[in-house]
Amino acid sequence: GSLRLSCATSGRTFSDYSMGWFRQAPGKEREFVAAISWTGDNEYY
């Protein structure tokens, strides 16, 4: 199946900052999921 997560932000100029997603399963280390540049032109997975 599929899901879409959202992250609403506030407090500064959002478009000037890259952003990321991480996840953590029980008993496991926090894991990098994805990141996006401030412009949205570049992504890491």
PDB file of all heavy atoms in Angstrom:
ATOM      1  N   GLY A   1       0.801  -1.206   0.000  1.00  0.00           N
ATOM      2  CA  GLY A   1       0.000   0.000   0.000  1.00  0.00           C
ATOM      3  C   GLY A   1       0.836   1.258   0.000  1.00  0.00           C
ATOM      4  O   GLY A   1       2.063   1.217  -0.051  1.00  0.00           O
ATOM      5  N   SER A   2       0.151   2.397   0.084  1.00  0.00           N
ATOM      6  CA  SER A   2       0.803   3.698   0.010  1.00  0.00           C
ATOM      7  C   SER A   2       0.301   4.633   1.095  1.00  0.00           C
ATOM      8  O   SER A   2      -0.833   4.521   1.557  1.00  0.00           O
ATOM      9  CB  SER A   2       0.551   4.353  -1.355  1.00  0.00           C
ATOM     10  OG  SER A   2       1.067   3.573  -2.415  1.00  0.00           O
ATOM     11  N   LEU A   3       1.155   5.568   1.480  1.00  0.00           N
ATOM     12  CA  LEU A   3       0.803   6.651   2.378  1.00  0.00           C
ATOM     13  C   LEU A   3       1.540   7.902   1.936  1.00  0.00           C
ATOM     14  O   LEU A   3       2.601   7.814   1.328  1.00  0.00           O
ATOM     15  CB  LEU A   3       1.201   6.345   3.827  1.00  0.00           C
ATOM     16  CG  LEU A   3       0.378   5.344   4.627  1.00  0.00           C
ATOM     17  CD1 LEU A   3       1.069   5.066   5.957  1.00  0.00           C
ATOM     18  CD2 LEU A   3      -1.026   5.870   4.860  1.00  0.00           C
ATOM     19  N   ARG A   4       0.987   9.055   2.275  1.00  0.00           N
ATOM     20  CA  ARG A   4       1.689  10.307   2.085  1.00  0.00           C
ATOM     21  C   ARG A   4       1.777  11.039   3.411  1.00  0.00           C
ATOM     22  O   ARG A   4       0.750  11.356   4.021  1.00  0.00           O
ATOM     23  CB  ARG A   4       1.006  11.202   1.054  1.00  0.00           C
ATOM     24  CG  ARG A   4       1.875  12.419   0.695  1.00  0.00           C
ATOM     25  CD  ARG A   4       1.215  13.377  -0.268  1.00  0.00           C
ATOM     26  NE  ARG A   4       0.165  14.161   0.375  1.00  0.00           N
ATOM     27  CZ  ARG A   4      -0.348  15.277  -0.124  1.00  0.00           C
ATOM     28  NH1 ARG A   4       0.090  15.744  -1.289  1.00  0.00           N
ATOM     29  NH2 ARG A   4      -1.311  15.906   0.525  1.00  0.00           N
ATOM     30  N   LEU A   5       2.998  11.305   3.836  1.00  0.00           N
ATOM     31  CA  LEU A   5       3.233  12.057   5.050  1.00  0.00           C
ATOM     32  C   LEU A   5       3.413  13.532   4.719  1.00  0.00           C
ATOM     33  O   LEU A   5       3.947  13.882   3.668  1.00  0.00           O
ATOM     34  CB  LEU A   5       4.483  11.551   5.771  1.00  0.00           C
ATOM     35  CG  LEU A   5       4.549  10.052   6.080  1.00  0.00           C
ATOM     36  CD1 LEU A   5       5.812   9.745   6.869  1.00  0.00           C
ATOM     37  CD2 LEU A   5       3.309   9.592   6.822  1.00  0.00           C
ATOM     38  N   SER A   6       2.992  14.375   5.636  1.00  0.00           N
ATOM     39  CA  SER A   6       3.161  15.813   5.493  1.00  0.00           C
ATOM     40  C   SER A   6       3.884  16.364   6.711  1.00  0.00           C
ATOM     41  O   SER A   6       3.764  15.829   7.809  1.00  0.00           O
ATOM     42  CB  SER A   6       1.810  16.514   5.349  1.00  0.00           C
ATOM     43  OG  SER A   6       1.124  16.082   4.196  1.00  0.00           O
ATOM     44  N   CYS A   7       4.618  17.428   6.509  1.00  0.00           N
ATOM     45  CA  CYS A   7       5.293  18.137   7.585  1.00  0.00           C
ATOM     46  C   CYS A   7       5.029  19.617   7.402  1.00  0.00           C
ATOM     47  O   CYS A   7       5.584  20.245   6.494  1.00  0.00           O
ATOM     48  CB  CYS A   7       6.790  17.834   7.566  1.00  0.00           C
ATOM     49  SG  CYS A   7       7.766  18.810   8.733  1.00  0.00           S
ATOM     50  N   ALA A   8       4.186  20.160   8.242  1.00  0.00           N
ATOM     51  CA  ALA A   8       3.891  21.585   8.211  1.00  0.00           C
ATOM     52  C   ALA A   8       4.938  22.333   9.019  1.00  0.00           C
ATOM     53  O   ALA A   8       5.269  21.939  10.135  1.00  0.00           O
ATOM     54  CB  ALA A   8       2.498  21.840   8.777  1.00  0.00           C
ATOM     55  N   THR A   9       5.471  23.406   8.454  1.00  0.00           N
ATOM     56  CA  THR A   9       6.536  24.155   9.111  1.00  0.00           C
ATOM     57  C   THR A   9       6.132  25.602   9.336  1.00  0.00           C
ATOM     58  O   THR A   9       5.279  26.151   8.643  1.00  0.00           O
ATOM     59  CB  THR A   9       7.834  24.131   8.291  1.00  0.00           C
ATOM     60  OG1 THR A   9       7.719  25.021   7.168  1.00  0.00           O
ATOM     61  CG2 THR A   9       8.134  22.731   7.790  1.00  0.00           C
ATOM     62  N   SER A  10       6.785  26.221  10.310  1.00  0.00           N
ATOM     63  CA  SER A  10       6.571  27.630  10.589  1.00  0.00           C
ATOM     64  C   SER A  10       7.781  28.176  11.325  1.00  0.00           C
ATOM     65  O   SER A  10       8.604  27.418  11.843  1.00  0.00           O
ATOM     66  CB  SER A  10       5.303  27.856  11.414  1.00  0.00           C
ATOM     67  OG  SER A  10       5.404  27.228  12.681  1.00  0.00           O
ATOM     68  N   GLY A  11       7.898  29.497  11.371  1.00  0.00           N
ATOM     69  CA  GLY A  11       8.923  30.129  12.182  1.00  0.00           C
ATOM     70  C   GLY A  11      10.076  30.769  11.431  1.00  0.00           C
ATOM     71  O   GLY A  11      10.853  31.508  12.038  1.00  0.00           O
ATOM     72  N   ARG A  12      10.201  30.494  10.124  1.00  0.00           N
ATOM     73  CA  ARG A  12      11.273  31.088   9.338  1.00  0.00           C
ATOM     74  C   ARG A  12      10.988  30.932   7.850  1.00  0.00           C
ATOM     75  O   ARG A  12       9.951  30.380   7.473  1.00  0.00           O
ATOM     76  CB  ARG A  12      12.618  30.470   9.707  1.00  0.00           C
ATOM     77  CG  ARG A  12      12.732  28.994   9.388  1.00  0.00           C
ATOM     78  CD  ARG A  12      14.082  28.454   9.829  1.00  0.00           C
ATOM     79  NE  ARG A  12      14.231  27.050   9.513  1.00  0.00           N
ATOM     80  CZ  ARG A  12      15.314  26.327   9.783  1.00  0.00           C
ATOM     81  NH1 ARG A  12      16.353  26.900  10.397  1.00  0.00           N
ATOM     82  NH2 ARG A  12      15.364  25.047   9.457  1.00  0.00           N
ATOM     83  N   THR A  13      11.913  31.376   7.027  1.00  0.00           N
ATOM     84  CA  THR A  13      11.749  31.303   5.581  1.00  0.00           C
ATOM     85  C   THR A  13      12.024  29.879   5.103  1.00  0.00           C
ATOM     86  O   THR A  13      13.164  29.479   4.888  1.00  0.00           O
ATOM     87  CB  THR A  13      12.678  32.289   4.872  1.00  0.00           C
ATOM     88  OG1 THR A  13      12.458  33.608   5.381  1.00  0.00           O
ATOM     89  CG2 THR A  13      12.401  32.289   3.372  1.00  0.00           C
ATOM     90  N   PHE A  14      10.967  29.116   4.929  1.00  0.00           N
ATOM     91  CA  PHE A  14      11.053  27.710   4.592  1.00  0.00           C
ATOM     92  C   PHE A  14      11.872  27.461   3.326  1.00  0.00           C
ATOM     93  O   PHE A  14      12.646  26.499   3.255  1.00  0.00           O
ATOM     94  CB  PHE A  14       9.631  27.165   4.432  1.00  0.00           C
ATOM     95  CG  PHE A  14       9.541  25.744   3.989  1.00  0.00           C
ATOM     96  CD1 PHE A  14       9.886  24.711   4.838  1.00  0.00           C
ATOM     97  CD2 PHE A  14       9.088  25.432   2.717  1.00  0.00           C
ATOM     98  CE1 PHE A  14       9.782  23.391   4.438  1.00  0.00           C
ATOM     99  CE2 PHE A  14       8.976  24.118   2.302  1.00  0.00           C
ATOM    100  CZ  PHE A  14       9.329  23.096   3.163  1.00  0.00           C
ATOM    101  N   SER A  15      11.719  28.301   2.327  1.00  0.00           N
ATOM    102  CA  SER A  15      12.358  28.083   1.035  1.00  0.00           C
ATOM    103  C   SER A  15      13.878  28.221   1.059  1.00  0.00           C
ATOM    104  O   SER A  15      14.533  27.867   0.077  1.00  0.00           O
ATOM    105  CB  SER A  15      11.778  29.034  -0.009  1.00  0.00           C
ATOM    106  OG  SER A  15      11.988  30.388   0.363  1.00  0.00           O
ATOM    107  N   ASP A  16      14.454  28.688   2.146  1.00  0.00           N
ATOM    108  CA  ASP A  16      15.905  28.830   2.260  1.00  0.00           C
ATOM    109  C   ASP A  16      16.584  27.601   2.857  1.00  0.00           C
ATOM    110  O   ASP A  16      17.813  27.569   2.943  1.00  0.00           O
ATOM    111  CB  ASP A  16      16.265  30.037   3.126  1.00  0.00           C
ATOM    112  CG  ASP A  16      16.080  31.352   2.388  1.00  0.00           C
ATOM    113  OD1 ASP A  16      15.964  31.344   1.151  1.00  0.00           O
ATOM    114  OD2 ASP A  16      16.060  32.396   3.073  1.00  0.00           O
ATOM    115  N   TYR A  17      15.814  26.583   3.250  1.00  0.00           N
ATOM    116  CA  TYR A  17      16.374  25.466   4.003  1.00  0.00           C
ATOM    117  C   TYR A  17      16.067  24.122   3.365  1.00  0.00           C
ATOM    118  O   TYR A  17      14.936  23.860   2.939  1.00  0.00           O
ATOM    119  CB  TYR A  17      15.833  25.475   5.437  1.00  0.00           C
ATOM    120  CG  TYR A  17      16.259  26.692   6.212  1.00  0.00           C
ATOM    121  CD1 TYR A  17      15.529  27.871   6.141  1.00  0.00           C
ATOM    122  CD2 TYR A  17      17.413  26.668   6.996  1.00  0.00           C
ATOM    123  CE1 TYR A  17      15.935  28.997   6.831  1.00  0.00           C
ATOM    124  CE2 TYR A  17      17.815  27.794   7.691  1.00  0.00           C
ATOM    125  CZ  TYR A  17      17.077  28.957   7.602  1.00  0.00           C
ATOM    126  OH  TYR A  17      17.480  30.071   8.292  1.00  0.00           O
ATOM    127  N   SER A  18      17.095  23.284   3.320  1.00  0.00           N
ATOM    128  CA  SER A  18      16.854  21.896   2.977  1.00  0.00           C
ATOM    129  C   SER A  18      16.049  21.223   4.090  1.00  0.00           C
ATOM    130  O   SER A  18      15.942  21.755   5.203  1.00  0.00           O
ATOM    131  CB  SER A  18      18.176  21.162   2.759  1.00  0.00           C
ATOM    132  OG  SER A  18      18.972  21.210   3.926  1.00  0.00           O
ATOM    133  N   MET A  19      15.484  20.053   3.792  1.00  0.00           N
ATOM    134  CA  MET A  19      14.651  19.343   4.755  1.00  0.00           C
ATOM    135  C   MET A  19      14.898  17.847   4.627  1.00  0.00           C
ATOM    136  O   MET A  19      15.350  17.374   3.579  1.00  0.00           O
ATOM    137  CB  MET A  19      13.169  19.623   4.510  1.00  0.00           C
ATOM    138  CG  MET A  19      12.754  21.073   4.683  1.00  0.00           C
ATOM    139  SD  MET A  19      12.754  21.591   6.428  1.00  0.00           S
ATOM    140  CE  MET A  19      11.431  20.572   7.084  1.00  0.00           C
ATOM    141  N   GLY A  20      14.582  17.113   5.683  1.00  0.00           N
ATOM    142  CA  GLY A  20      14.800  15.678   5.655  1.00  0.00           C
ATOM    143  C   GLY A  20      13.725  14.892   6.383  1.00  0.00           C
ATOM    144  O   GLY A  20      12.967  15.435   7.190  1.00  0.00           O
ATOM    145  N   TRP A  21      13.689  13.599   6.070  1.00  0.00           N
ATOM    146  CA  TRP A  21      12.857  12.629   6.771  1.00  0.00           C
ATOM    147  C   TRP A  21      13.752  11.526   7.327  1.00  0.00           C
ATOM    148  O   TRP A  21      14.643  11.022   6.629  1.00  0.00           O
ATOM    149  CB  TRP A  21      11.831  11.986   5.844  1.00  0.00           C
ATOM    150  CG  TRP A  21      10.689  12.856   5.426  1.00  0.00           C
ATOM    151  CD1 TRP A  21      10.557  13.534   4.258  1.00  0.00           C
ATOM    152  CD2 TRP A  21       9.498  13.114   6.180  1.00  0.00           C
ATOM    153  NE1 TRP A  21       9.362  14.205   4.225  1.00  0.00           N
ATOM    154  CE2 TRP A  21       8.691  13.957   5.400  1.00  0.00           C
ATOM    155  CE3 TRP A  21       9.036  12.708   7.434  1.00  0.00           C
ATOM    156  CZ2 TRP A  21       7.447  14.418   5.828  1.00  0.00           C
ATOM    157  CZ3 TRP A  21       7.803  13.177   7.855  1.00  0.00           C
ATOM    158  CH2 TRP A  21       7.026  14.018   7.054  1.00  0.00           C
ATOM    159  N   PHE A  22      13.497  11.141   8.569  1.00  0.00           N
ATOM    160  CA  PHE A  22      14.148  10.010   9.206  1.00  0.00           C
ATOM    161  C   PHE A  22      13.083   9.106   9.798  1.00  0.00           C
ATOM    162  O   PHE A  22      11.940   9.514   9.996  1.00  0.00           O
ATOM    163  CB  PHE A  22      15.102  10.474  10.311  1.00  0.00           C
ATOM    164  CG  PHE A  22      16.356  11.124   9.802  1.00  0.00           C
ATOM    165  CD1 PHE A  22      16.335  12.416   9.309  1.00  0.00           C
ATOM    166  CD2 PHE A  22      17.567  10.437   9.817  1.00  0.00           C
ATOM    167  CE1 PHE A  22      17.486  13.022   8.838  1.00  0.00           C
ATOM    168  CE2 PHE A  22      18.723  11.033   9.346  1.00  0.00           C
ATOM    169  CZ  PHE A  22      18.686  12.321   8.857  1.00  0.00           C
ATOM    170  N   ARG A  23      13.474   7.875  10.104  1.00  0.00           N
ATOM    171  CA  ARG A  23      12.545   6.962  10.758  1.00  0.00           C
ATOM    172  C   ARG A  23      13.292   6.130  11.791  1.00  0.00           C
ATOM    173  O   ARG A  23      14.503   5.963  11.724  1.00  0.00           O
ATOM    174  CB  ARG A  23      11.854   6.051   9.745  1.00  0.00           C
ATOM    175  CG  ARG A  23      12.778   5.047   9.075  1.00  0.00           C
ATOM    176  CD  ARG A  23      12.059   4.306   7.967  1.00  0.00           C
ATOM    177  NE  ARG A  23      12.895   3.297   7.351  1.00  0.00           N
ATOM    178  CZ  ARG A  23      12.568   2.608   6.276  1.00  0.00           C
ATOM    179  NH1 ARG A  23      11.386   2.821   5.691  1.00  0.00           N
ATOM    180  NH2 ARG A  23      13.397   1.698   5.779  1.00  0.00           N
ATOM    181  N   GLN A  24      12.523   5.598  12.728  1.00  0.00           N
ATOM    182  CA  GLN A  24      13.106   4.766  13.763  1.00  0.00           C
ATOM    183  C   GLN A  24      12.128   3.661  14.139  1.00  0.00           C
ATOM    184  O   GLN A  24      10.992   3.936  14.532  1.00  0.00           O
ATOM    185  CB  GLN A  24      13.474   5.584  14.995  1.00  0.00           C
ATOM    186  CG  GLN A  24      14.267   4.812  16.024  1.00  0.00           C
ATOM    187  CD  GLN A  24      14.915   5.717  17.053  1.00  0.00           C
ATOM    188  OE1 GLN A  24      14.493   6.858  17.246  1.00  0.00           O
ATOM    189  NE2 GLN A  24      15.942   5.225  17.700  1.00  0.00           N
ATOM    190  N   ALA A  25      12.590   2.428  14.012  1.00  0.00           N
ATOM    191  CA  ALA A  25      11.817   1.272  14.427  1.00  0.00           C
ATOM    192  C   ALA A  25      12.219   0.891  15.851  1.00  0.00           C
ATOM    193  O   ALA A  25      13.327   1.210  16.297  1.00  0.00           O
ATOM    194  CB  ALA A  25      12.056   0.104  13.480  1.00  0.00           C
ATOM    195  N   PRO A  26      11.350   0.198  16.585  1.00  0.00           N
ATOM    196  CA  PRO A  26      11.678  -0.191  17.961  1.00  0.00           C
ATOM    197  C   PRO A  26      12.977  -0.988  18.035  1.00  0.00           C
ATOM    198  O   PRO A  26      13.169  -1.944  17.286  1.00  0.00           O
ATOM    199  CB  PRO A  26      10.482  -1.045  18.378  1.00  0.00           C
ATOM    200  CG  PRO A  26       9.359  -0.540  17.536  1.00  0.00           C
ATOM    201  CD  PRO A  26       9.989  -0.199  16.216  1.00  0.00           C
ATOM    202  N   GLY A  27      13.865  -0.565  18.911  1.00  0.00           N
ATOM    203  CA  GLY A  27      15.119  -1.257  19.108  1.00  0.00           C
ATOM    204  C   GLY A  27      16.157  -1.042  18.028  1.00  0.00           C
ATOM    205  O   GLY A  27      17.208  -1.692  18.060  1.00  0.00           O
ATOM    206  N   LYS A  28      15.893  -0.150  17.091  1.00  0.00           N
ATOM    207  CA  LYS A  28      16.824   0.098  15.997  1.00  0.00           C
ATOM    208  C   LYS A  28      17.274   1.553  15.992  1.00  0.00           C
ATOM    209  O   LYS A  28      16.624   2.433  16.551  1.00  0.00           O
ATOM    210  CB  LYS A  28      16.176  -0.247  14.658  1.00  0.00           C
ATOM    211  CG  LYS A  28      15.790  -1.710  14.494  1.00  0.00           C
ATOM    212  CD  LYS A  28      15.204  -1.992  13.137  1.00  0.00           C
ATOM    213  CE  LYS A  28      16.227  -1.825  12.035  1.00  0.00           C
ATOM    214  NZ  LYS A  28      15.657  -2.178  10.706  1.00  0.00           N
ATOM    215  N   GLU A  29      18.394   1.782  15.340  1.00  0.00           N
ATOM    216  CA  GLU A  29      18.955   3.122  15.236  1.00  0.00           C
ATOM    217  C   GLU A  29      18.123   3.979  14.283  1.00  0.00           C
ATOM    218  O   GLU A  29      17.513   3.470  13.336  1.00  0.00           O
ATOM    219  CB  GLU A  29      20.399   3.017  14.748  1.00  0.00           C
ATOM    220  CG  GLU A  29      21.153   4.329  14.727  1.00  0.00           C
ATOM    221  CD  GLU A  29      22.592   4.150  14.308  1.00  0.00           C
ATOM    222  OE1 GLU A  29      23.044   2.993  14.212  1.00  0.00           O
ATOM    223  OE2 GLU A  29      23.279   5.160  14.072  1.00  0.00           O
ATOM    224  N   ARG A  30      18.094   5.254  14.531  1.00  0.00           N
ATOM    225  CA  ARG A  30      17.423   6.182  13.630  1.00  0.00           C
ATOM    226  C   ARG A  30      18.044   6.101  12.237  1.00  0.00           C
ATOM    227  O   ARG A  30      19.270   6.126  12.086  1.00  0.00           O
ATOM    228  CB  ARG A  30      17.529   7.599  14.183  1.00  0.00           C
ATOM    229  CG  ARG A  30      16.813   8.656  13.361  1.00  0.00           C
ATOM    230  CD  ARG A  30      16.740   9.963  14.113  1.00  0.00           C
ATOM    231  NE  ARG A  30      18.028  10.328  14.667  1.00  0.00           N
ATOM    232  CZ  ARG A  30      18.241  11.353  15.486  1.00  0.00           C
ATOM    233  NH1 ARG A  30      17.221  12.122  15.853  1.00  0.00           N
ATOM    234  NH2 ARG A  30      19.446  11.601  15.952  1.00  0.00           N
ATOM    235  N   GLU A  31      17.210   6.035  11.220  1.00  0.00           N
ATOM    236  CA  GLU A  31      17.644   5.769   9.861  1.00  0.00           C
ATOM    237  C   GLU A  31      17.263   6.916   8.931  1.00  0.00           C
ATOM    238  O   GLU A  31      16.129   7.404   8.961  1.00  0.00           O
ATOM    239  CB  GLU A  31      17.009   4.468   9.357  1.00  0.00           C
ATOM    240  CG  GLU A  31      17.349   4.112   7.920  1.00  0.00           C
ATOM    241  CD  GLU A  31      16.584   2.902   7.425  1.00  0.00           C
ATOM    242  OE1 GLU A  31      15.582   2.525   8.059  1.00  0.00           O
ATOM    243  OE2 GLU A  31      17.000   2.313   6.404  1.00  0.00           O
ATOM    244  N   PHE A  32      18.188   7.307   8.096  1.00  0.00           N
ATOM    245  CA  PHE A  32      17.912   8.313   7.081  1.00  0.00           C
ATOM    246  C   PHE A  32      16.965   7.759   6.033  1.00  0.00           C
ATOM    247  O   PHE A  32      17.144   6.645   5.541  1.00  0.00           O
ATOM    248  CB  PHE A  32      19.213   8.760   6.412  1.00  0.00           C
ATOM    249  CG  PHE A  32      18.996   9.611   5.204  1.00  0.00           C
ATOM    250  CD1 PHE A  32      18.562  10.926   5.329  1.00  0.00           C
ATOM    251  CD2 PHE A  32      19.223   9.113   3.934  1.00  0.00           C
ATOM    252  CE1 PHE A  32      18.352  11.722   4.217  1.00  0.00           C
ATOM    253  CE2 PHE A  32      19.018   9.892   2.816  1.00  0.00           C
ATOM    254  CZ  PHE A  32      18.584  11.201   2.964  1.00  0.00           C
ATOM    255  N   VAL A  33      15.976   8.558   5.656  1.00  0.00           N
ATOM    256  CA  VAL A  33      14.995   8.154   4.654  1.00  0.00           C
ATOM    257  C   VAL A  33      15.151   8.957   3.372  1.00  0.00           C
ATOM    258  O   VAL A  33      15.324   8.400   2.290  1.00  0.00           O
ATOM    259  CB  VAL A  33      13.558   8.293   5.190  1.00  0.00           C
ATOM    260  CG1 VAL A  33      12.542   7.987   4.093  1.00  0.00           C
ATOM    261  CG2 VAL A  33      13.352   7.379   6.385  1.00  0.00           C
ATOM    262  N   ALA A  34      15.083  10.279   3.486  1.00  0.00           N
ATOM    263  CA  ALA A  34      15.141  11.128   2.300  1.00  0.00           C
ATOM    264  C   ALA A  34      15.447  12.558   2.702  1.00  0.00           C
ATOM    265  O   ALA A  34      15.186  12.977   3.831  1.00  0.00           O
ATOM    266  CB  ALA A  34      13.817  11.083   1.529  1.00  0.00           C
ATOM    267  N   ALA A  35      15.997  13.324   1.761  1.00  0.00           N
ATOM    268  CA  ALA A  35      16.261  14.740   1.976  1.00  0.00           C
ATOM    269  C   ALA A  35      16.060  15.484   0.671  1.00  0.00           C
ATOM    270  O   ALA A  35      16.200  14.913  -0.411  1.00  0.00           O
ATOM    271  CB  ALA A  35      17.682  14.959   2.499  1.00  0.00           C
ATOM    272  N   ILE A  36      15.758  16.763   0.783  1.00  0.00           N
ATOM    273  CA  ILE A  36      15.511  17.592  -0.391  1.00  0.00           C
ATOM    274  C   ILE A  36      16.162  18.951  -0.188  1.00  0.00           C
ATOM    275  O   ILE A  36      16.145  19.503   0.905  1.00  0.00           O
ATOM    276  CB  ILE A  36      13.991  17.713  -0.652  1.00  0.00           C
ATOM    277  CG1 ILE A  36      13.713  18.391  -1.996  1.00  0.00           C
ATOM    278  CG2 ILE A  36      13.290  18.440   0.491  1.00  0.00           C
ATOM    279  CD1 ILE A  36      12.266  18.248  -2.442  1.00  0.00           C
ATOM    280  N   SER A  37      16.740  19.473  -1.253  1.00  0.00           N
ATOM    281  CA  SER A  37      17.397  20.769  -1.177  1.00  0.00           C
ATOM    282  C   SER A  37      16.379  21.889  -1.027  1.00  0.00           C
ATOM    283  O   SER A  37      15.174  21.700  -1.217  1.00  0.00           O
ATOM    284  CB  SER A  37      18.250  21.001  -2.421  1.00  0.00           C
ATOM    285  OG  SER A  37      17.447  21.095  -3.585  1.00  0.00           O
ATOM    286  N   TRP A  38      16.862  23.066  -0.693  1.00  0.00           N
ATOM    287  CA  TRP A  38      15.964  24.187  -0.445  1.00  0.00           C
ATOM    288  C   TRP A  38      15.147  24.570  -1.667  1.00  0.00           C
ATOM    289  O   TRP A  38      14.027  25.076  -1.525  1.00  0.00           O
ATOM    290  CB  TRP A  38      16.749  25.384   0.105  1.00  0.00           C
ATOM    291  CG  TRP A  38      17.804  25.939  -0.819  1.00  0.00           C
ATOM    292  CD1 TRP A  38      17.675  27.001  -1.660  1.00  0.00           C
ATOM    293  CD2 TRP A  38      19.139  25.465  -0.971  1.00  0.00           C
ATOM    294  NE1 TRP A  38      18.848  27.224  -2.328  1.00  0.00           N
ATOM    295  CE2 TRP A  38      19.758  26.288  -1.925  1.00  0.00           C
ATOM    296  CE3 TRP A  38      19.873  24.430  -0.396  1.00  0.00           C
ATOM    297  CZ2 TRP A  38      21.084  26.101  -2.324  1.00  0.00           C
ATOM    298  CZ3 TRP A  38      21.193  24.245  -0.788  1.00  0.00           C
ATOM    299  CH2 TRP A  38      21.784  25.074  -1.738  1.00  0.00           C
ATOM    300  N   THR A  39      15.676  24.367  -2.855  1.00  0.00           N
ATOM    301  CA  THR A  39      14.940  24.668  -4.076  1.00  0.00           C
ATOM    302  C   THR A  39      14.040  23.522  -4.525  1.00  0.00           C
ATOM    303  O   THR A  39      13.153  23.727  -5.358  1.00  0.00           O
ATOM    304  CB  THR A  39      15.897  24.988  -5.221  1.00  0.00           C
ATOM    305  OG1 THR A  39      16.694  23.833  -5.504  1.00  0.00           O
ATOM    306  CG2 THR A  39      16.804  26.159  -4.864  1.00  0.00           C
ATOM    307  N   GLY A  40      14.284  22.327  -4.019  1.00  0.00           N
ATOM    308  CA  GLY A  40      13.574  21.152  -4.479  1.00  0.00           C
ATOM    309  C   GLY A  40      14.184  20.506  -5.704  1.00  0.00           C
ATOM    310  O   GLY A  40      13.626  19.542  -6.235  1.00  0.00           O
ATOM    311  N   ASP A  41      15.332  20.993  -6.153  1.00  0.00           N
ATOM    312  CA  ASP A  41      15.959  20.487  -7.370  1.00  0.00           C
ATOM    313  C   ASP A  41      16.814  19.251  -7.146  1.00  0.00           C
ATOM    314  O   ASP A  41      17.164  18.571  -8.119  1.00  0.00           O
ATOM    315  CB  ASP A  41      16.821  21.573  -8.003  1.00  0.00           C
ATOM    316  CG  ASP A  41      16.008  22.721  -8.550  1.00  0.00           C
ATOM    317  OD1 ASP A  41      14.842  22.505  -8.914  1.00  0.00           O
ATOM    318  OD2 ASP A  41      16.544  23.847  -8.611  1.00  0.00           O
ATOM    319  N   ASN A  42      17.174  18.965  -5.909  1.00  0.00           N
ATOM    320  CA  ASN A  42      18.039  17.831  -5.611  1.00  0.00           C
ATOM    321  C   ASN A  42      17.465  17.021  -4.464  1.00  0.00           C
ATOM    322  O   ASN A  42      16.900  17.577  -3.520  1.00  0.00           O
ATOM    323  CB  ASN A  42      19.450  18.299  -5.259  1.00  0.00           C
ATOM    324  CG  ASN A  42      20.118  19.049  -6.384  1.00  0.00           C
ATOM    325  OD1 ASN A  42      20.163  20.275  -6.393  1.00  0.00           O
ATOM    326  ND2 ASN A  42      20.626  18.302  -7.362  1.00  0.00           N
ATOM    327  N   GLU A  43      17.637  15.706  -4.552  1.00  0.00           N
ATOM    328  CA  GLU A  43      17.091  14.792  -3.561  1.00  0.00           C
ATOM    329  C   GLU A  43      18.100  13.706  -3.219  1.00  0.00           C
ATOM    330  O   GLU A  43      18.856  13.259  -4.073  1.00  0.00           O
ATOM    331  CB  GLU A  43      15.814  14.139  -4.081  1.00  0.00           C
ATOM    332  CG  GLU A  43      14.737  15.121  -4.488  1.00  0.00           C
ATOM    333  CD  GLU A  43      13.676  14.494  -5.346  1.00  0.00           C
ATOM    334  OE1 GLU A  43      13.573  13.253  -5.370  1.00  0.00           O
ATOM    335  OE2 GLU A  43      12.930  15.244  -6.005  1.00  0.00           O
ATOM    336  N   TYR A  44      18.092  13.257  -1.972  1.00  0.00           N
ATOM    337  CA  TYR A  44      18.819  12.075  -1.530  1.00  0.00           C
ATOM    338  C   TYR A  44      17.813  11.081  -0.986  1.00  0.00           C
ATOM    339  O   TYR A  44      16.809  11.463  -0.371  1.00  0.00           O
ATOM    340  CB  TYR A  44      19.808  12.407  -0.414  1.00  0.00           C
ATOM    341  CG  TYR A  44      20.989  13.269  -0.782  1.00  0.00           C
ATOM    342  CD1 TYR A  44      21.570  14.092   0.185  1.00  0.00           C
ATOM    343  CD2 TYR A  44      21.543  13.257  -2.045  1.00  0.00           C
ATOM    344  CE1 TYR A  44      22.660  14.886  -0.109  1.00  0.00           C
ATOM    345  CE2 TYR A  44      22.636  14.052  -2.352  1.00  0.00           C
ATOM    346  CZ  TYR A  44      23.196  14.862  -1.378  1.00  0.00           C
ATOM    347  OH  TYR A  44      24.284  15.652  -1.674  1.00  0.00           O
ATOM    348  N   TYR A  45      18.116   9.792  -1.163  1.00  0.00           N
ATOM    349  CA  TYR A  45      17.279   8.731  -0.615  1.00  0.00           C
ATOM    350  C   TYR A  45      18.139   7.660   0.023  1.00  0.00           C
ATOM    351  O   TYR A  45      19.218   7.341  -0.475  1.00  0.00           O
ATOM    352  CB  TYR A  45      16.417   8.085  -1.697  1.00  0.00           C
ATOM    353  CG  TYR A  45      15.381   9.004  -2.268  1.00  0.00           C
ATOM    354  CD1 TYR A  45      15.607   9.699  -3.449  1.00  0.00           C
ATOM    355  CD2 TYR A  45      14.165   9.191  -1.613  1.00  0.00           C
ATOM    356  CE1 TYR A  45      14.657  10.558  -3.965  1.00  0.00           C
ATOM    357  CE2 TYR A  45      13.205  10.052  -2.126  1.00  0.00           C
ATOM    358  CZ  TYR A  45      13.457  10.730  -3.298  1.00  0.00           C
ATOM    359  OH  TYR A  45      12.511  11.590  -3.815  1.00  0.00           O
TER     360      TYR A  45
END
